[in-house]
Every structure is written in C-alpha cells, then in structure tokens.
Amino acid sequence: MNEKTEEIIGRIKEKYKAIDQNPEVHLEGLVWAKPITYWDYILPDALLNLQVQRTTEPDEMVFVMYHQINELLFKMILWEINQVSDSEEISASLFTEKLRRISRYFDMLSSSFDIMGEGMAKEQYMNFRNTLTPASGFQSAQYRLIEFSSTELINLIDYRFRATIDRNTPYEHAFEHLYWQAAGKNHETGKKNTMLVFFEEKYKADFLLKMQKYNTTNLWTKFKQLPEDVKNDAELIKAMRHYDYTVNVKWVMAHYEAAGKYLGKSEATGGSDWRKYMHPKYQRRIFFPELWSKEELENWGNDV
C-alpha cells in the first residue's frame, strides 16, 4: 500500500472505532456492495411514477408536475432555513449565504409560473379544474412551514386583527387568526369551508407544534439575536430584504397573475376569494418589517 492508501484506511478505522464498530467488518462489506448508479441514487423510476391524472385532458399532467416541482423546491428551502434555525451561533456570512440560496429557489418559483401560465390550454384547465374541488394549492403544508420558519407569528396574523392580538397569545388563538384563514373562514360566523376543514384535519396538530418550535428560531428572530455589528452587515440586510420581497410580493404576484389568466372572476377550486386572499396589498405579509422604511411598509404591494 502507498502512503495515501494507508492514511485513508487509518481514517476509516478511526471513524468506526469511534462508534464501537469493527472497521474490518465494514471494509469487508465494501467487497459485496453493488456499484452505485444514477437510477439507484436519484430514484427517477419512483419519482416519475408519482404523476397521476384524474381526467383525460393532456394539460392536466403539466399542472400535476408543476406543483410537484414546487413541493421539491419548498423542501429545499426548508432544508436551508432549518440549518439557520438549528444553529446556536451563526455568522453573518453563513446567514447571508443561506438566504441567497433560499432566494434563488424562490426566484425560480416566481419565474416558473410562466410554465403553468403559458403551458396549459385554458379550455382544458377549465375542464379538469372542476375535478379538483375542493383541493387547492392553498393546502401546501410545506409553504405554511416556510412562513412559520421565516418570521414571528404576529407578522402572519390577518392584518385586520394584527393590532388587537398580543404577541404572547396562545398558539391556538393565533392559528385561528392567521392571514390564510381568510381563504376559507367567515370570521363573523366562524364557519370554515370544506377546503380549510380538510386542510386542518390533516395538518393542524403538526402546525401548532411547528409554530411553537419556530417561535424562537425563525429567521427574523435569529436575525434579531445577532450582535449589532453583524445585524448591520450590508450584504446580510440586502439578502434579507430580497428574500422578503421575493416571497411576499414577487412570488405571490406571479401566482396571482397566472391564476387571473385562467380564473378571471371565478372562485379558486377551494372556494376562496383568491384575489383578496392573495394580493400582498391586502394582507401585507412582511417577514422582516424593521428592515423596511415607513413609506415602503405603507405602500407594500402597491408597486405591482
């Protein structure tokens, strides 16, 4: 053996001895291991069998695949956010790098709406959409987790109630006043539509746990915990603002405009008044409010 090979074997032995394992057993296991292939590692056969149409309209497949791609990107975003959330100490450079990665993913999501907006025949969409009721893209649990992990709950409260809800309100109460409740709840009667009922039956318990988990580890809170010199880092602030605007204005409006092309004045498949629910000027969702001027906050969403 040459010196490099001996050094590698020595590191392997140290690795397995550290976890009370016999290095020779693991080395012998390599003799019988199959070579890795792209299809074994990425599992494209499994992935490409997850697209199931409910109708005979060909463009429904575009709709299905597009939303599955979104969910994969949401998972990538949460993967990066959690590396910040789970860090006890984080540098400005690492924080900035993670935000840049996250923003690139959302930039992709924002620009990708052309795929759906220009990639489906309207008449086909209007045919197959009725088979989706009461399902809705609203019911993406990962997107809600991105919101919980990005900012304090007070910034996700319906704007109509934000001034009257204490920041220390119970999670259950906060949940009932989140901005997206407006997509399926009559706040005067408390009645929720079927889309929202199904969504909460599936995810509410987990959401309440995640709301508590991210209460002190969301991106905005983590930012405020940084030393003053780090919080004043120009590149970090730029990255924070870019992420905030990309998610809460650019991405939302790309979705809004794509929906408008197909729906016109119609309700969304979930039954929501999607125009008021989605447009940023109504709910004014802002993850990092203190990084924007008073004028910018007052005109949030009016520039699109």
Protein backbone atom coordinates (compact mmCIF):
# COMPACT_ATOMS: atom_id res chain seq x y z
CA MET A 1 0.00 0.00 0.00
CA ASN A 2 1.17 3.51 -0.69
CA GLU A 3 1.14 6.25 1.92
CA LYS A 4 -2.18 7.73 0.74
CA THR A 5 -3.97 4.36 0.95
CA GLU A 6 -2.63 3.74 4.46
CA GLU A 7 -3.80 7.18 5.53
CA ILE A 8 -7.33 6.54 4.19
CA ILE A 9 -7.57 3.14 5.89
CA GLY A 10 -6.37 4.72 9.12
CA ARG A 11 -9.15 7.31 8.95
CA ILE A 12 -11.71 4.58 8.25
CA LYS A 13 -10.56 2.66 11.33
CA GLU A 14 -10.80 5.79 13.48
CA LYS A 15 -14.29 6.52 12.18
CA TYR A 16 -15.71 3.10 13.06
CA LYS A 17 -13.83 2.67 16.34
CA ALA A 18 -15.35 5.99 17.45
CA ILE A 19 -18.80 4.35 17.25
CA ASP A 20 -17.67 1.00 18.69
CA GLN A 21 -17.73 -0.77 15.33
CA ASN A 22 -15.25 -3.25 13.89
CA PRO A 23 -13.59 -1.48 10.89
CA GLU A 24 -12.76 -4.84 9.25
CA VAL A 25 -16.45 -5.78 9.06
CA HIS A 26 -17.27 -2.55 7.26
CA LEU A 27 -14.27 -2.85 4.94
CA GLU A 28 -15.30 -6.38 4.00
CA GLY A 29 -18.82 -5.13 3.36
CA LEU A 30 -17.42 -3.00 0.55
CA VAL A 31 -16.40 -6.19 -1.27
CA TRP A 32 -20.04 -7.22 -1.64
CA ALA A 33 -21.57 -3.79 -2.19
CA LYS A 34 -23.03 -3.08 -5.62
CA PRO A 35 -21.69 -0.12 -7.61
CA ILE A 36 -23.93 2.94 -7.20
CA THR A 37 -25.84 4.08 -10.27
CA TYR A 38 -27.73 7.26 -11.04
CA TRP A 39 -31.06 5.41 -11.01
CA ASP A 40 -30.32 3.78 -7.64
CA TYR A 41 -29.30 7.09 -6.09
CA ILE A 42 -31.84 9.57 -7.54
CA LEU A 43 -34.66 7.01 -7.91
CA PRO A 44 -36.12 8.54 -11.10
CA ASP A 45 -38.32 5.49 -11.71
CA ALA A 46 -40.11 6.04 -8.40
CA LEU A 47 -40.25 9.80 -8.89
CA LEU A 48 -41.66 9.59 -12.41
CA ASN A 49 -44.44 7.27 -11.30
CA LEU A 50 -45.91 9.81 -8.88
CA GLN A 51 -47.83 11.74 -11.56
CA VAL A 52 -51.44 10.60 -11.68
CA GLN A 53 -54.13 12.37 -13.71
CA ARG A 54 -57.78 12.48 -12.70
CA THR A 55 -59.05 13.39 -16.16
CA THR A 56 -58.35 12.73 -19.84
CA GLU A 57 -57.15 16.30 -20.50
CA PRO A 58 -53.43 16.16 -21.50
CA ASP A 59 -52.54 19.52 -19.94
CA GLU A 60 -53.56 18.27 -16.52
CA MET A 61 -50.19 16.49 -16.48
CA VAL A 62 -48.45 19.89 -16.74
CA PHE A 63 -50.47 21.07 -13.73
CA VAL A 64 -49.60 18.00 -11.66
CA MET A 65 -45.88 18.00 -12.45
CA TYR A 66 -45.55 21.74 -11.94
CA HIS A 67 -46.95 21.55 -8.42
CA GLN A 68 -44.80 18.54 -7.55
CA ILE A 69 -41.72 20.50 -8.65
CA ASN A 70 -42.86 23.32 -6.37
CA GLU A 71 -43.04 20.94 -3.44
CA LEU A 72 -39.48 19.73 -4.11
CA LEU A 73 -38.27 23.33 -4.13
CA PHE A 74 -40.18 24.03 -0.92
CA LYS A 75 -38.34 21.12 0.66
CA MET A 76 -35.01 22.58 -0.47
CA ILE A 77 -35.98 25.94 1.04
CA LEU A 78 -36.95 24.40 4.38
CA TRP A 79 -33.69 22.42 4.37
CA GLU A 80 -31.72 25.68 4.20
CA ILE A 81 -33.91 27.54 6.69
CA ASN A 82 -33.59 24.78 9.26
CA GLN A 83 -29.80 24.96 9.09
CA VAL A 84 -30.13 28.56 10.29
CA SER A 85 -32.87 27.77 12.82
CA ASP A 86 -30.95 24.88 14.35
CA SER A 87 -27.68 26.82 14.69
CA GLU A 88 -26.93 28.17 18.15
CA GLU A 89 -24.36 30.59 16.75
CA ILE A 90 -24.34 31.70 13.14
CA SER A 91 -22.07 34.13 11.31
CA ALA A 92 -23.23 36.92 9.02
CA SER A 93 -21.56 35.22 6.06
CA LEU A 94 -23.32 31.88 6.65
CA PHE A 95 -26.66 33.58 7.30
CA THR A 96 -26.25 35.59 4.10
CA GLU A 97 -25.29 32.54 2.07
CA LYS A 98 -28.32 30.57 3.27
CA LEU A 99 -30.65 33.47 2.45
CA ARG A 100 -29.14 33.78 -1.01
CA ARG A 101 -29.75 30.10 -1.63
CA ILE A 102 -33.32 30.37 -0.40
CA SER A 103 -33.95 33.45 -2.54
CA ARG A 104 -32.59 31.70 -5.62
CA TYR A 105 -35.11 28.92 -5.08
CA PHE A 106 -37.93 31.45 -4.78
CA ASP A 107 -36.64 33.32 -7.83
CA MET A 108 -37.01 30.02 -9.70
CA LEU A 109 -40.52 29.56 -8.33
CA SER A 110 -41.53 33.09 -9.33
CA SER A 111 -40.23 32.83 -12.88
CA SER A 112 -41.57 29.31 -13.30
CA PHE A 113 -45.19 30.44 -13.26
CA ASP A 114 -44.81 31.06 -16.98
CA ILE A 115 -44.62 27.28 -17.34
CA MET A 116 -48.12 26.93 -15.97
CA GLY A 117 -49.41 30.31 -17.14
CA GLU A 118 -48.36 29.73 -20.74
CA GLY A 119 -48.19 25.95 -20.74
CA MET A 120 -51.84 24.94 -20.45
CA ALA A 121 -54.79 25.43 -22.77
CA LYS A 122 -57.39 27.46 -20.89
CA GLU A 123 -60.27 25.30 -22.06
CA GLN A 124 -58.50 22.17 -20.81
CA TYR A 125 -57.78 23.78 -17.45
CA MET A 126 -61.39 24.90 -17.05
CA ASN A 127 -62.45 21.30 -17.71
CA PHE A 128 -60.13 19.46 -15.35
CA ARG A 129 -60.18 22.04 -12.53
CA ASN A 130 -63.70 21.01 -11.55
CA THR A 131 -62.45 17.52 -10.74
CA LEU A 132 -60.02 19.02 -8.20
CA THR A 133 -62.62 20.68 -5.98
CA PRO A 134 -62.22 21.22 -3.04
CA ALA A 135 -58.44 20.66 -3.32
CA SER A 136 -56.31 23.79 -3.64
CA GLY A 137 -52.67 24.83 -3.85
CA PHE A 138 -53.54 26.63 -0.62
CA GLN A 139 -53.18 23.22 1.03
CA SER A 140 -49.41 23.04 0.63
CA ALA A 141 -48.23 22.31 4.17
CA GLN A 142 -44.59 22.98 3.30
CA TYR A 143 -45.39 26.52 2.18
CA ARG A 144 -47.02 27.21 5.56
CA LEU A 145 -43.94 25.82 7.31
CA ILE A 146 -41.77 28.19 5.27
CA GLU A 147 -43.86 31.07 6.59
CA PHE A 148 -43.70 29.87 10.21
CA SER A 149 -39.94 29.41 9.97
CA SER A 150 -39.31 32.78 8.36
CA THR A 151 -40.91 35.26 10.74
CA GLU A 152 -42.73 35.88 14.02
CA LEU A 153 -46.35 34.80 14.18
CA ILE A 154 -47.58 38.36 14.63
CA ASN A 155 -46.44 39.08 11.07
CA LEU A 156 -48.64 36.26 9.75
CA ILE A 157 -51.78 37.36 11.54
CA ASP A 158 -54.64 38.65 9.38
CA TYR A 159 -53.98 42.38 9.01
CA ARG A 160 -57.49 43.17 10.27
CA PHE A 161 -56.70 41.62 13.66
CA ARG A 162 -52.97 42.26 13.99
CA ALA A 163 -53.28 45.36 16.18
CA THR A 164 -55.58 43.63 18.67
CA ILE A 165 -53.70 40.35 19.12
CA ASP A 166 -50.98 40.13 21.75
CA ARG A 167 -47.66 38.63 20.67
CA ASN A 168 -47.96 36.19 23.58
CA THR A 169 -51.40 34.95 22.58
CA PRO A 170 -51.91 31.15 22.76
CA TYR A 171 -50.88 29.32 19.59
CA GLU A 172 -54.40 28.02 19.03
CA HIS A 173 -55.79 31.56 19.08
CA ALA A 174 -53.06 32.81 16.76
CA PHE A 175 -53.73 29.91 14.40
CA GLU A 176 -57.39 30.89 14.09
CA HIS A 177 -56.36 34.41 13.04
CA LEU A 178 -53.57 33.63 10.57
CA TYR A 179 -53.96 35.58 7.34
CA TRP A 180 -54.69 32.50 5.26
CA GLN A 181 -57.77 31.67 7.33
CA ALA A 182 -59.46 34.35 5.20
CA ALA A 183 -59.30 31.96 2.24
CA GLY A 184 -61.84 29.65 3.85
CA LYS A 185 -63.27 31.11 7.04
CA ASN A 186 -66.06 33.55 7.74
CA HIS A 187 -64.69 35.40 10.77
CA GLU A 188 -68.15 36.70 11.66
CA THR A 189 -69.73 33.24 11.96
CA GLY A 190 -66.60 31.14 12.45
CA LYS A 191 -67.74 28.75 9.68
CA LYS A 192 -64.95 27.22 7.56
CA ASN A 193 -65.28 25.86 4.06
CA THR A 194 -64.55 22.25 3.18
CA MET A 195 -61.10 23.02 1.75
CA LEU A 196 -59.97 24.57 5.04
CA VAL A 197 -61.62 21.88 7.19
CA PHE A 198 -59.80 19.10 5.33
CA PHE A 199 -56.52 21.01 5.50
CA GLU A 200 -56.74 21.46 9.26
CA GLU A 201 -57.78 17.88 9.87
CA LYS A 202 -54.61 16.80 8.10
CA TYR A 203 -52.06 19.32 9.38
CA LYS A 204 -53.31 21.50 12.26
CA ALA A 205 -51.76 19.43 15.07
CA ASP A 206 -48.38 19.47 13.36
CA PHE A 207 -48.70 23.17 12.55
CA LEU A 208 -49.27 24.03 16.22
CA LEU A 209 -46.11 22.13 17.16
CA LYS A 210 -44.09 23.83 14.42
CA MET A 211 -45.45 27.25 15.39
CA GLN A 212 -44.05 26.65 18.87
CA LYS A 213 -40.74 25.28 17.56
CA TYR A 214 -40.14 28.23 15.27
CA ASN A 215 -41.33 30.81 17.80
CA THR A 216 -37.76 31.48 18.91
CA THR A 217 -35.85 30.06 15.95
CA ASN A 218 -37.47 31.66 12.90
CA LEU A 219 -35.21 33.65 10.57
CA TRP A 220 -36.39 37.04 11.83
CA THR A 221 -35.86 36.16 15.48
CA LYS A 222 -32.47 34.61 14.72
CA PHE A 223 -31.50 37.81 12.91
CA LYS A 224 -32.53 39.98 15.88
CA GLN A 225 -30.41 37.84 18.20
CA LEU A 226 -27.23 38.59 16.24
CA PRO A 227 -24.65 41.06 17.57
CA GLU A 228 -25.25 44.65 16.41
CA ASP A 229 -22.26 44.72 14.08
CA VAL A 230 -23.50 41.55 12.39
CA LYS A 231 -27.08 42.83 12.08
CA ASN A 232 -25.73 45.92 10.35
CA ASP A 233 -23.89 43.87 7.72
CA ALA A 234 -24.97 45.43 4.41
CA GLU A 235 -24.91 42.17 2.44
CA LEU A 236 -26.95 40.37 5.07
CA ILE A 237 -29.59 43.12 5.14
CA LYS A 238 -29.71 43.11 1.34
CA ALA A 239 -30.26 39.34 1.35
CA MET A 240 -32.99 39.62 4.00
CA ARG A 241 -34.86 42.29 2.05
CA HIS A 242 -34.54 40.38 -1.22
CA TYR A 243 -35.96 37.23 0.36
CA ASP A 244 -38.84 39.13 1.97
CA TYR A 245 -39.85 40.89 -1.24
CA THR A 246 -39.36 37.81 -3.41
CA VAL A 247 -41.62 35.63 -1.25
CA ASN A 248 -44.27 38.12 -0.24
CA VAL A 249 -44.59 40.24 -3.38
CA LYS A 250 -42.82 38.81 -6.43
CA TRP A 251 -43.76 35.13 -5.95
CA VAL A 252 -47.28 35.98 -4.78
CA MET A 253 -47.94 38.25 -7.74
CA ALA A 254 -46.59 35.71 -10.22
CA HIS A 255 -49.10 33.23 -8.77
CA TYR A 256 -51.82 35.88 -8.75
CA GLU A 257 -51.33 36.78 -12.41
CA ALA A 258 -51.21 33.14 -13.51
CA ALA A 259 -54.45 32.45 -11.62
CA GLY A 260 -56.07 35.53 -13.13
CA LYS A 261 -55.34 34.33 -16.66
CA TYR A 262 -57.36 31.17 -16.13
CA LEU A 263 -59.89 32.04 -13.45
CA GLY A 264 -60.95 35.56 -14.35
CA LYS A 265 -63.70 36.32 -11.81
CA SER A 266 -64.24 32.67 -10.88
CA GLU A 267 -63.58 31.25 -7.42
CA ALA A 268 -60.49 29.16 -6.78
CA THR A 269 -61.02 25.39 -6.65
CA GLY A 270 -61.03 25.60 -2.87
CA GLY A 271 -63.80 28.19 -2.97
CA SER A 272 -61.75 31.18 -1.76
CA ASP A 273 -61.98 34.81 -2.81
CA TRP A 274 -58.46 34.39 -4.14
CA ARG A 275 -57.97 37.96 -5.33
CA LYS A 276 -58.21 39.46 -1.85
CA TYR A 277 -56.58 36.50 -0.17
CA MET A 278 -53.54 36.50 -2.43
CA HIS A 279 -52.76 40.13 -3.25
CA PRO A 280 -49.96 41.46 -0.98
CA LYS A 281 -51.53 44.90 -0.58
CA TYR A 282 -54.47 43.36 1.31
CA GLN A 283 -52.70 41.13 3.83
CA ARG A 284 -49.33 42.93 3.82
CA ARG A 285 -47.34 39.86 4.72
CA ILE A 286 -43.88 41.11 5.62
CA PHE A 287 -41.34 38.80 7.23
CA PHE A 288 -38.80 41.42 8.33
CA PRO A 289 -40.76 44.67 8.93
CA GLU A 290 -37.98 46.58 10.66
CA LEU A 291 -35.78 46.32 7.57
CA TRP A 292 -38.21 48.45 5.53
CA SER A 293 -38.89 52.19 5.71
CA LYS A 294 -42.25 53.56 6.84
CA GLU A 295 -43.04 54.54 3.26
CA GLU A 296 -42.15 51.09 1.96
CA LEU A 297 -44.37 49.44 4.56
CA GLU A 298 -47.32 51.71 3.78
CA ASN A 299 -47.01 51.00 0.05
CA TRP A 300 -46.36 47.27 0.32
CA GLY A 301 -47.64 45.53 -2.78
CA ASN A 302 -48.75 48.74 -4.50
CA ASP A 303 -45.84 48.73 -6.93
CA VAL A 304 -47.10 45.65 -8.78
